[in-house]
């Protein structure tokens, strides 16, 4: 299966308008999620990990107690692709569940 191509600046700017809470930081999509406690943060990460595996696209992330910090980029494309946008949308959706 062909991997997606890096988005143009215009495509990325347009997509960011629909991704509340996400920003560009150091060439990556970045967001900090906060939860009520570690259990909620870890449950979120577990759900996201299953989605990431299904997409064959894995985030750079870290967890400290109730906070999950996420950076998304497609390494083999050298930037942000449609895979990153899809995973960002799923993560935002799961954080609200």
PDB file of N, CA and C in Angstrom:
ATOM      1  N   UNK A   1       0.840  -1.180   0.000  1.00  0.00           N
ATOM      2  CA  UNK A   1       0.000   0.000   0.000  1.00  0.00           C
ATOM      3  C   UNK A   1       0.886   1.245   0.000  1.00  0.00           C
ATOM      4  N   UNK A   2       0.570   2.212  -0.840  1.00  0.00           N
ATOM      5  CA  UNK A   2       1.354   3.441  -0.923  1.00  0.00           C
ATOM      6  C   UNK A   2       1.093   4.318   0.303  1.00  0.00           C
ATOM      7  N   UNK A   3       2.157   4.870   0.822  1.00  0.00           N
ATOM      8  CA  UNK A   3       2.044   5.764   1.969  1.00  0.00           C
ATOM      9  C   UNK A   3       1.636   7.153   1.484  1.00  0.00           C
ATOM     10  N   UNK A   4       0.906   7.912   2.304  1.00  0.00           N
ATOM     11  CA  UNK A   4       0.479   9.240   1.883  1.00  0.00           C
ATOM     12  C   UNK A   4       1.660  10.215   1.766  1.00  0.00           C
ATOM     13  N   UNK A   5       1.446  11.236   0.960  1.00  0.00           N
ATOM     14  CA  UNK A   5       2.454  12.268   0.736  1.00  0.00           C
ATOM     15  C   UNK A   5       2.307  13.395   1.755  1.00  0.00           C
ATOM     16  N   UNK A   6       3.390  14.080   1.990  1.00  0.00           N
ATOM     17  CA  UNK A   6       3.406  15.250   2.870  1.00  0.00           C
ATOM     18  C   UNK A   6       2.419  16.293   2.342  1.00  0.00           C
ATOM     19  N   UNK A   7       1.638  16.896   3.260  1.00  0.00           N
ATOM     20  CA  UNK A   7       0.673  17.910   2.879  1.00  0.00           C
ATOM     21  C   UNK A   7       1.381  19.221   2.539  1.00  0.00           C
ATOM     22  N   UNK A   8       0.802  19.966   1.614  1.00  0.00           N
ATOM     23  CA  UNK A   8       1.328  21.299   1.306  1.00  0.00           C
ATOM     24  C   UNK A   8       0.980  22.237   2.472  1.00  0.00           C
ATOM     25  N   UNK A   9       1.608  23.374   2.501  1.00  0.00           N
ATOM     26  CA  UNK A   9       1.317  24.352   3.564  1.00  0.00           C
ATOM     27  C   UNK A   9      -0.144  24.777   3.519  1.00  0.00           C
ATOM     28  N   UNK A  10      -0.699  24.957   2.325  1.00  0.00           N
ATOM     29  CA  UNK A  10      -2.104  25.354   2.189  1.00  0.00           C
ATOM     30  C   UNK A  10      -3.036  24.251   2.690  1.00  0.00           C
ATOM     31  N   UNK A  11      -2.746  23.009   2.346  1.00  0.00           N
ATOM     32  CA  UNK A  11      -3.566  21.885   2.808  1.00  0.00           C
ATOM     33  C   UNK A  11      -3.513  21.777   4.329  1.00  0.00           C
ATOM     34  N   UNK A  12      -2.334  21.948   4.880  1.00  0.00           N
ATOM     35  CA  UNK A  12      -2.169  21.852   6.322  1.00  0.00           C
ATOM     36  C   UNK A  12      -2.892  22.989   7.032  1.00  0.00           C
ATOM     37  N   UNK A  13      -2.766  24.203   6.519  1.00  0.00           N
ATOM     38  CA  UNK A  13      -3.450  25.354   7.125  1.00  0.00           C
ATOM     39  C   UNK A  13      -4.958  25.142   7.119  1.00  0.00           C
ATOM     40  N   UNK A  14      -5.488  24.633   6.027  1.00  0.00           N
ATOM     41  CA  UNK A  14      -6.912  24.363   5.927  1.00  0.00           C
ATOM     42  C   UNK A  14      -7.337  23.295   6.926  1.00  0.00           C
ATOM     43  N   UNK A  15      -6.568  22.231   7.031  1.00  0.00           N
ATOM     44  CA  UNK A  15      -6.890  21.125   7.939  1.00  0.00           C
ATOM     45  C   UNK A  15      -6.831  21.551   9.398  1.00  0.00           C
ATOM     46  N   UNK A  16      -5.886  22.409   9.745  1.00  0.00           N
ATOM     47  CA  UNK A  16      -5.752  22.850  11.138  1.00  0.00           C
ATOM     48  C   UNK A  16      -6.992  23.582  11.623  1.00  0.00           C
ATOM     49  N   UNK A  17      -7.698  24.231  10.708  1.00  0.00           N
ATOM     50  CA  UNK A  17      -8.927  24.923  11.076  1.00  0.00           C
ATOM     51  C   UNK A  17      -9.985  23.995  11.640  1.00  0.00           C
ATOM     52  N   UNK A  18      -9.932  22.732  11.274  1.00  0.00           N
ATOM     53  CA  UNK A  18     -10.900  21.752  11.763  1.00  0.00           C
ATOM     54  C   UNK A  18     -10.388  20.876  12.891  1.00  0.00           C
ATOM     55  N   UNK A  19      -9.222  21.200  13.421  1.00  0.00           N
ATOM     56  CA  UNK A  19      -8.630  20.395  14.498  1.00  0.00           C
ATOM     57  C   UNK A  19      -8.462  21.243  15.764  1.00  0.00           C
ATOM     58  N   UNK A  20      -9.547  21.447  16.465  1.00  0.00           N
ATOM     59  CA  UNK A  20      -9.515  22.268  17.677  1.00  0.00           C
ATOM     60  C   UNK A  20      -8.508  21.719  18.684  1.00  0.00           C
ATOM     61  N   UNK A  21      -7.683  22.605  19.214  1.00  0.00           N
ATOM     62  CA  UNK A  21      -6.721  22.225  20.237  1.00  0.00           C
ATOM     63  C   UNK A  21      -5.368  21.799  19.695  1.00  0.00           C
ATOM     64  N   UNK A  22      -5.278  21.532  18.405  1.00  0.00           N
ATOM     65  CA  UNK A  22      -4.027  21.110  17.790  1.00  0.00           C
ATOM     66  C   UNK A  22      -3.299  22.328  17.238  1.00  0.00           C
ATOM     67  N   UNK A  23      -1.963  22.280  17.268  1.00  0.00           N
ATOM     68  CA  UNK A  23      -1.148  23.354  16.716  1.00  0.00           C
ATOM     69  C   UNK A  23       0.072  22.765  16.028  1.00  0.00           C
ATOM     70  N   UNK A  24       0.712  23.573  15.215  1.00  0.00           N
ATOM     71  CA  UNK A  24       1.986  23.182  14.631  1.00  0.00           C
ATOM     72  C   UNK A  24       3.084  23.566  15.602  1.00  0.00           C
ATOM     73  N   UNK A  25       3.948  22.614  15.887  1.00  0.00           N
ATOM     74  CA  UNK A  25       5.093  22.875  16.768  1.00  0.00           C
ATOM     75  C   UNK A  25       6.263  22.061  16.234  1.00  0.00           C
ATOM     76  N   UNK A  26       7.309  22.767  15.826  1.00  0.00           N
ATOM     77  CA  UNK A  26       8.528  22.130  15.307  1.00  0.00           C
ATOM     78  C   UNK A  26       8.222  21.169  14.152  1.00  0.00           C
ATOM     79  N   UNK A  27       7.304  21.569  13.255  1.00  0.00           N
ATOM     80  CA  UNK A  27       6.995  20.763  12.089  1.00  0.00           C
ATOM     81  C   UNK A  27       6.106  19.564  12.342  1.00  0.00           C
ATOM     82  N   UNK A  28       5.502  19.519  13.519  1.00  0.00           N
ATOM     83  CA  UNK A  28       4.634  18.396  13.885  1.00  0.00           C
ATOM     84  C   UNK A  28       3.296  18.930  14.362  1.00  0.00           C
ATOM     85  N   UNK A  29       2.257  18.093  14.261  1.00  0.00           N
ATOM     86  CA  UNK A  29       0.994  18.405  14.913  1.00  0.00           C
ATOM     87  C   UNK A  29       1.176  18.119  16.395  1.00  0.00           C
ATOM     88  N   UNK A  30       0.800  19.065  17.239  1.00  0.00           N
ATOM     89  CA  UNK A  30       1.027  18.902  18.672  1.00  0.00           C
ATOM     90  C   UNK A  30      -0.251  19.227  19.446  1.00  0.00           C
ATOM     91  N   UNK A  31      -0.456  18.448  20.502  1.00  0.00           N
ATOM     92  CA  UNK A  31      -1.559  18.728  21.427  1.00  0.00           C
ATOM     93  C   UNK A  31      -1.250  18.125  22.787  1.00  0.00           C
ATOM     94  N   UNK A  32      -1.705  18.819  23.804  1.00  0.00           N
ATOM     95  CA  UNK A  32      -1.639  18.328  25.188  1.00  0.00           C
ATOM     96  C   UNK A  32      -3.060  17.985  25.611  1.00  0.00           C
ATOM     97  N   UNK A  33      -3.273  16.768  26.076  1.00  0.00           N
ATOM     98  CA  UNK A  33      -4.559  16.346  26.605  1.00  0.00           C
ATOM     99  C   UNK A  33      -4.444  16.244  28.119  1.00  0.00           C
ATOM    100  N   UNK A  34      -5.486  16.667  28.820  1.00  0.00           N
ATOM    101  CA  UNK A  34      -5.518  16.559  30.281  1.00  0.00           C
ATOM    102  C   UNK A  34      -6.768  15.791  30.696  1.00  0.00           C
ATOM    103  N   UNK A  35      -6.577  14.908  31.670  1.00  0.00           N
ATOM    104  CA  UNK A  35      -7.653  14.050  32.143  1.00  0.00           C
ATOM    105  C   UNK A  35      -7.770  14.174  33.657  1.00  0.00           C
ATOM    106  N   UNK A  36      -8.772  13.555  34.216  1.00  0.00           N
ATOM    107  CA  UNK A  36      -9.011  13.650  35.648  1.00  0.00           C
ATOM    108  C   UNK A  36      -7.973  12.945  36.500  1.00  0.00           C
ATOM    109  N   UNK A  37      -7.381  11.898  35.956  1.00  0.00           N
ATOM    110  CA  UNK A  37      -6.380  11.146  36.706  1.00  0.00           C
ATOM    111  C   UNK A  37      -5.590  10.249  35.749  1.00  0.00           C
ATOM    112  N   UNK A  38      -4.652   9.503  36.306  1.00  0.00           N
ATOM    113  CA  UNK A  38      -3.804   8.629  35.496  1.00  0.00           C
ATOM    114  C   UNK A  38      -4.612   7.552  34.790  1.00  0.00           C
ATOM    115  N   UNK A  39      -5.582   6.991  35.479  1.00  0.00           N
ATOM    116  CA  UNK A  39      -6.388   5.922  34.889  1.00  0.00           C
ATOM    117  C   UNK A  39      -7.089   6.402  33.620  1.00  0.00           C
ATOM    118  N   UNK A  40      -7.670   7.587  33.652  1.00  0.00           N
ATOM    119  CA  UNK A  40      -8.357   8.138  32.475  1.00  0.00           C
ATOM    120  C   UNK A  40      -7.360   8.425  31.351  1.00  0.00           C
ATOM    121  N   UNK A  41      -6.199   8.953  31.696  1.00  0.00           N
ATOM    122  CA  UNK A  41      -5.168   9.234  30.688  1.00  0.00           C
ATOM    123  C   UNK A  41      -4.699   7.934  30.031  1.00  0.00           C
ATOM    124  N   UNK A  42      -4.486   6.903  30.841  1.00  0.00           N
ATOM    125  CA  UNK A  42      -4.003   5.638  30.302  1.00  0.00           C
ATOM    126  C   UNK A  42      -5.075   4.946  29.461  1.00  0.00           C
ATOM    127  N   UNK A  43      -6.343   5.068  29.867  1.00  0.00           N
ATOM    128  CA  UNK A  43      -7.435   4.495  29.068  1.00  0.00           C
ATOM    129  C   UNK A  43      -7.488   5.172  27.700  1.00  0.00           C
ATOM    130  N   UNK A  44      -7.314   6.490  27.677  1.00  0.00           N
ATOM    131  CA  UNK A  44      -7.257   7.235  26.422  1.00  0.00           C
ATOM    132  C   UNK A  44      -6.105   6.735  25.559  1.00  0.00           C
ATOM    133  N   UNK A  45      -4.938   6.567  26.143  1.00  0.00           N
ATOM    134  CA  UNK A  45      -3.770   6.107  25.389  1.00  0.00           C
ATOM    135  C   UNK A  45      -3.994   4.700  24.834  1.00  0.00           C
ATOM    136  N   UNK A  46      -4.639   3.852  25.600  1.00  0.00           N
ATOM    137  CA  UNK A  46      -4.909   2.494  25.143  1.00  0.00           C
ATOM    138  C   UNK A  46      -5.831   2.509  23.925  1.00  0.00           C
ATOM    139  N   UNK A  47      -6.879   3.290  24.003  1.00  0.00           N
ATOM    140  CA  UNK A  47      -7.805   3.380  22.878  1.00  0.00           C
ATOM    141  C   UNK A  47      -7.102   3.942  21.643  1.00  0.00           C
ATOM    142  N   UNK A  48      -6.292   4.981  21.837  1.00  0.00           N
ATOM    143  CA  UNK A  48      -5.547   5.585  20.727  1.00  0.00           C
ATOM    144  C   UNK A  48      -4.525   4.605  20.152  1.00  0.00           C
ATOM    145  N   UNK A  49      -3.890   3.823  21.005  1.00  0.00           N
ATOM    146  CA  UNK A  49      -2.890   2.858  20.536  1.00  0.00           C
ATOM    147  C   UNK A  49      -3.523   1.825  19.611  1.00  0.00           C
ATOM    148  N   UNK A  50      -4.715   1.381  19.922  1.00  0.00           N
ATOM    149  CA  UNK A  50      -5.402   0.414  19.065  1.00  0.00           C
ATOM    150  C   UNK A  50      -5.744   1.035  17.713  1.00  0.00           C
ATOM    151  N   UNK A  51      -6.185   2.282  17.717  1.00  0.00           N
ATOM    152  CA  UNK A  51      -6.489   2.976  16.459  1.00  0.00           C
ATOM    153  C   UNK A  51      -5.211   3.201  15.656  1.00  0.00           C
ATOM    154  N   UNK A  52      -4.135   3.592  16.327  1.00  0.00           N
ATOM    155  CA  UNK A  52      -2.855   3.834  15.645  1.00  0.00           C
ATOM    156  C   UNK A  52      -2.344   2.551  15.000  1.00  0.00           C
ATOM    157  N   UNK A  53      -2.475   1.450  15.687  1.00  0.00           N
ATOM    158  CA  UNK A  53      -2.022   0.175  15.134  1.00  0.00           C
ATOM    159  C   UNK A  53      -2.846  -0.202  13.904  1.00  0.00           C
ATOM    160  N   UNK A  54      -4.149   0.040  13.964  1.00  0.00           N
ATOM    161  CA  UNK A  54      -5.006  -0.252  12.809  1.00  0.00           C
ATOM    162  C   UNK A  54      -4.632   0.613  11.607  1.00  0.00           C
ATOM    163  N   UNK A  55      -4.189   1.846  11.856  1.00  0.00           N
ATOM    164  CA  UNK A  55      -3.757   2.738  10.784  1.00  0.00           C
ATOM    165  C   UNK A  55      -2.320   2.478  10.352  1.00  0.00           C
ATOM    166  N   UNK A  56      -1.600   1.665  11.128  1.00  0.00           N
ATOM    167  CA  UNK A  56      -0.159   1.466  10.938  1.00  0.00           C
ATOM    168  C   UNK A  56       0.560   2.818  10.963  1.00  0.00           C
ATOM    169  N   UNK A  57       0.170   3.615  11.958  1.00  0.00           N
ATOM    170  CA  UNK A  57       0.727   4.956  12.106  1.00  0.00           C
ATOM    171  C   UNK A  57       0.780   5.272  13.598  1.00  0.00           C
ATOM    172  N   UNK A  58       1.953   5.502  14.113  1.00  0.00           N
ATOM    173  CA  UNK A  58       2.130   5.553  15.556  1.00  0.00           C
ATOM    174  C   UNK A  58       2.613   6.923  16.025  1.00  0.00           C
ATOM    175  N   UNK A  59       2.013   7.436  17.098  1.00  0.00           N
ATOM    176  CA  UNK A  59       2.356   8.777  17.580  1.00  0.00           C
ATOM    177  C   UNK A  59       3.654   8.799  18.377  1.00  0.00           C
ATOM    178  N   UNK A  60       4.230   9.983  18.443  1.00  0.00           N
ATOM    179  CA  UNK A  60       5.276  10.262  19.435  1.00  0.00           C
ATOM    180  C   UNK A  60       4.511  10.885  20.597  1.00  0.00           C
ATOM    181  N   UNK A  61       4.521  10.223  21.750  1.00  0.00           N
ATOM    182  CA  UNK A  61       3.737  10.737  22.863  1.00  0.00           C
ATOM    183  C   UNK A  61       4.362  10.387  24.190  1.00  0.00           C
ATOM    184  N   UNK A  62       3.899  11.096  25.210  1.00  0.00           N
ATOM    185  CA  UNK A  62       4.355  10.808  26.570  1.00  0.00           C
ATOM    186  C   UNK A  62       3.205  11.060  27.529  1.00  0.00           C
ATOM    187  N   UNK A  63       3.312  10.437  28.683  1.00  0.00           N
ATOM    188  CA  UNK A  63       2.272  10.535  29.706  1.00  0.00           C
ATOM    189  C   UNK A  63       2.919  10.813  31.051  1.00  0.00           C
ATOM    190  N   UNK A  64       2.419  11.836  31.714  1.00  0.00           N
ATOM    191  CA  UNK A  64       2.782  12.112  33.096  1.00  0.00           C
ATOM    192  C   UNK A  64       1.470  12.298  33.851  1.00  0.00           C
ATOM    193  N   UNK A  65       1.191  11.380  34.727  1.00  0.00           N
ATOM    194  CA  UNK A  65      -0.028  11.320  35.522  1.00  0.00           C
ATOM    195  C   UNK A  65      -1.275  11.540  34.673  1.00  0.00           C
ATOM    196  N   UNK A  66      -1.884  12.719  34.703  1.00  0.00           N
ATOM    197  CA  UNK A  66      -3.141  12.949  33.995  1.00  0.00           C
ATOM    198  C   UNK A  66      -2.955  13.679  32.659  1.00  0.00           C
ATOM    199  N   UNK A  67      -1.719  13.860  32.233  1.00  0.00           N
ATOM    200  CA  UNK A  67      -1.426  14.619  31.016  1.00  0.00           C
ATOM    201  C   UNK A  67      -0.813  13.707  29.956  1.00  0.00           C
ATOM    202  N   UNK A  68      -1.290  13.855  28.723  1.00  0.00           N
ATOM    203  CA  UNK A  68      -0.735  13.129  27.585  1.00  0.00           C
ATOM    204  C   UNK A  68      -0.320  14.170  26.547  1.00  0.00           C
ATOM    205  N   UNK A  69       0.941  14.168  26.199  1.00  0.00           N
ATOM    206  CA  UNK A  69       1.489  15.079  25.202  1.00  0.00           C
ATOM    207  C   UNK A  69       1.714  14.297  23.912  1.00  0.00           C
ATOM    208  N   UNK A  70       1.204  14.837  22.792  1.00  0.00           N
ATOM    209  CA  UNK A  70       1.234  14.114  21.518  1.00  0.00           C
ATOM    210  C   UNK A  70       1.873  14.968  20.426  1.00  0.00           C
ATOM    211  N   UNK A  71       2.756  14.347  19.652  1.00  0.00           N
ATOM    212  CA  UNK A  71       3.307  14.935  18.436  1.00  0.00           C
ATOM    213  C   UNK A  71       3.073  13.944  17.307  1.00  0.00           C
ATOM    214  N   UNK A  72       2.546  14.457  16.198  1.00  0.00           N
ATOM    215  CA  UNK A  72       2.261  13.606  15.038  1.00  0.00           C
ATOM    216  C   UNK A  72       2.982  14.123  13.808  1.00  0.00           C
ATOM    217  N   UNK A  73       3.641  13.217  13.127  1.00  0.00           N
ATOM    218  CA  UNK A  73       4.203  13.461  11.806  1.00  0.00           C
ATOM    219  C   UNK A  73       4.475  12.102  11.179  1.00  0.00           C
ATOM    220  N   UNK A  74       4.506  12.080   9.863  1.00  0.00           N
ATOM    221  CA  UNK A  74       4.780  10.837   9.147  1.00  0.00           C
ATOM    222  C   UNK A  74       6.250  10.860   8.773  1.00  0.00           C
ATOM    223  N   UNK A  75       7.046  10.112   9.515  1.00  0.00           N
ATOM    224  CA  UNK A  75       8.502  10.165   9.367  1.00  0.00           C
ATOM    225  C   UNK A  75       8.964   9.859   7.950  1.00  0.00           C
ATOM    226  N   UNK A  76       8.398   8.812   7.340  1.00  0.00           N
ATOM    227  CA  UNK A  76       8.871   8.437   6.005  1.00  0.00           C
ATOM    228  C   UNK A  76       8.441   9.427   4.922  1.00  0.00           C
ATOM    229  N   UNK A  77       7.465  10.305   5.206  1.00  0.00           N
ATOM    230  CA  UNK A  77       7.061  11.338   4.244  1.00  0.00           C
ATOM    231  C   UNK A  77       7.772  12.660   4.525  1.00  0.00           C
ATOM    232  N   UNK A  78       8.437  12.739   5.665  1.00  0.00           N
ATOM    233  CA  UNK A  78       9.157  13.961   6.012  1.00  0.00           C
ATOM    234  C   UNK A  78       8.273  15.112   6.448  1.00  0.00           C
ATOM    235  N   UNK A  79       7.101  14.792   6.984  1.00  0.00           N
ATOM    236  CA  UNK A  79       6.207  15.851   7.455  1.00  0.00           C
ATOM    237  C   UNK A  79       4.830  15.316   7.788  1.00  0.00           C
ATOM    238  N   UNK A  80       3.873  16.203   7.801  1.00  0.00           N
ATOM    239  CA  UNK A  80       2.506  15.871   8.191  1.00  0.00           C
ATOM    240  C   UNK A  80       1.723  15.411   6.962  1.00  0.00           C
ATOM    241  N   UNK A  81       1.007  14.290   7.128  1.00  0.00           N
ATOM    242  CA  UNK A  81       0.214  13.711   6.039  1.00  0.00           C
ATOM    243  C   UNK A  81      -1.229  13.499   6.505  1.00  0.00           C
ATOM    244  N   UNK A  82      -2.033  12.956   5.616  1.00  0.00           N
ATOM    245  CA  UNK A  82      -3.424  12.645   5.947  1.00  0.00           C
ATOM    246  C   UNK A  82      -3.523  11.636   7.093  1.00  0.00           C
ATOM    247  N   UNK A  83      -2.538  10.776   7.255  1.00  0.00           N
ATOM    248  CA  UNK A  83      -2.533   9.837   8.390  1.00  0.00           C
ATOM    249  C   UNK A  83      -2.486  10.583   9.720  1.00  0.00           C
ATOM    250  N   UNK A  84      -1.676  11.627   9.776  1.00  0.00           N
ATOM    251  CA  UNK A  84      -1.578  12.421  11.007  1.00  0.00           C
ATOM    252  C   UNK A  84      -2.902  13.104  11.309  1.00  0.00           C
ATOM    253  N   UNK A  85      -3.537  13.649  10.270  1.00  0.00           N
ATOM    254  CA  UNK A  85      -4.833  14.308  10.458  1.00  0.00           C
ATOM    255  C   UNK A  85      -5.876  13.319  10.943  1.00  0.00           C
ATOM    256  N   UNK A  86      -5.890  12.141  10.357  1.00  0.00           N
ATOM    257  CA  UNK A  86      -6.859  11.126  10.764  1.00  0.00           C
ATOM    258  C   UNK A  86      -6.646  10.712  12.218  1.00  0.00           C
ATOM    259  N   UNK A  87      -5.399  10.478  12.597  1.00  0.00           N
ATOM    260  CA  UNK A  87      -5.130  10.087  13.977  1.00  0.00           C
ATOM    261  C   UNK A  87      -5.442  11.235  14.942  1.00  0.00           C
ATOM    262  N   UNK A  88      -5.147  12.456  14.559  1.00  0.00           N
ATOM    263  CA  UNK A  88      -5.473  13.615  15.402  1.00  0.00           C
ATOM    264  C   UNK A  88      -6.976  13.709  15.630  1.00  0.00           C
ATOM    265  N   UNK A  89      -7.756  13.512  14.576  1.00  0.00           N
ATOM    266  CA  UNK A  89      -9.223  13.560  14.715  1.00  0.00           C
ATOM    267  C   UNK A  89      -9.718  12.466  15.653  1.00  0.00           C
ATOM    268  N   UNK A  90      -9.183  11.267  15.491  1.00  0.00           N
ATOM    269  CA  UNK A  90      -9.584  10.169  16.372  1.00  0.00           C
ATOM    270  C   UNK A  90      -9.212  10.460  17.823  1.00  0.00           C
ATOM    271  N   UNK A  91      -8.009  10.972  18.031  1.00  0.00           N
ATOM    272  CA  UNK A  91      -7.573  11.265  19.400  1.00  0.00           C
ATOM    273  C   UNK A  91      -8.466  12.330  20.039  1.00  0.00           C
ATOM    274  N   UNK A  92      -8.810  13.352  19.281  1.00  0.00           N
ATOM    275  CA  UNK A  92      -9.701  14.391  19.801  1.00  0.00           C
ATOM    276  C   UNK A  92     -11.055  13.804  20.156  1.00  0.00           C
ATOM    277  N   UNK A  93     -11.548  12.930  19.312  1.00  0.00           N
ATOM    278  CA  UNK A  93     -12.839  12.279  19.553  1.00  0.00           C
ATOM    279  C   UNK A  93     -12.769  11.408  20.804  1.00  0.00           C
ATOM    280  N   UNK A  94     -11.715  10.625  20.935  1.00  0.00           N
ATOM    281  CA  UNK A  94     -11.580   9.739  22.097  1.00  0.00           C
ATOM    282  C   UNK A  94     -11.416  10.531  23.400  1.00  0.00           C
ATOM    283  N   UNK A  95     -10.794  11.679  23.338  1.00  0.00           N
ATOM    284  CA  UNK A  95     -10.597  12.493  24.547  1.00  0.00           C
ATOM    285  C   UNK A  95     -11.931  13.018  25.074  1.00  0.00           C
ATOM    286  N   UNK A  96     -12.909  13.156  24.202  1.00  0.00           N
ATOM    287  CA  UNK A  96     -14.223  13.660  24.624  1.00  0.00           C
ATOM    288  C   UNK A  96     -15.161  12.556  25.084  1.00  0.00           C
ATOM    289  N   UNK A  97     -14.792  11.322  24.810  1.00  0.00           N
ATOM    290  CA  UNK A  97     -15.667  10.188  25.157  1.00  0.00           C
ATOM    291  C   UNK A  97     -15.674   9.905  26.633  1.00  0.00           C
TER     292      UNK A  97
END
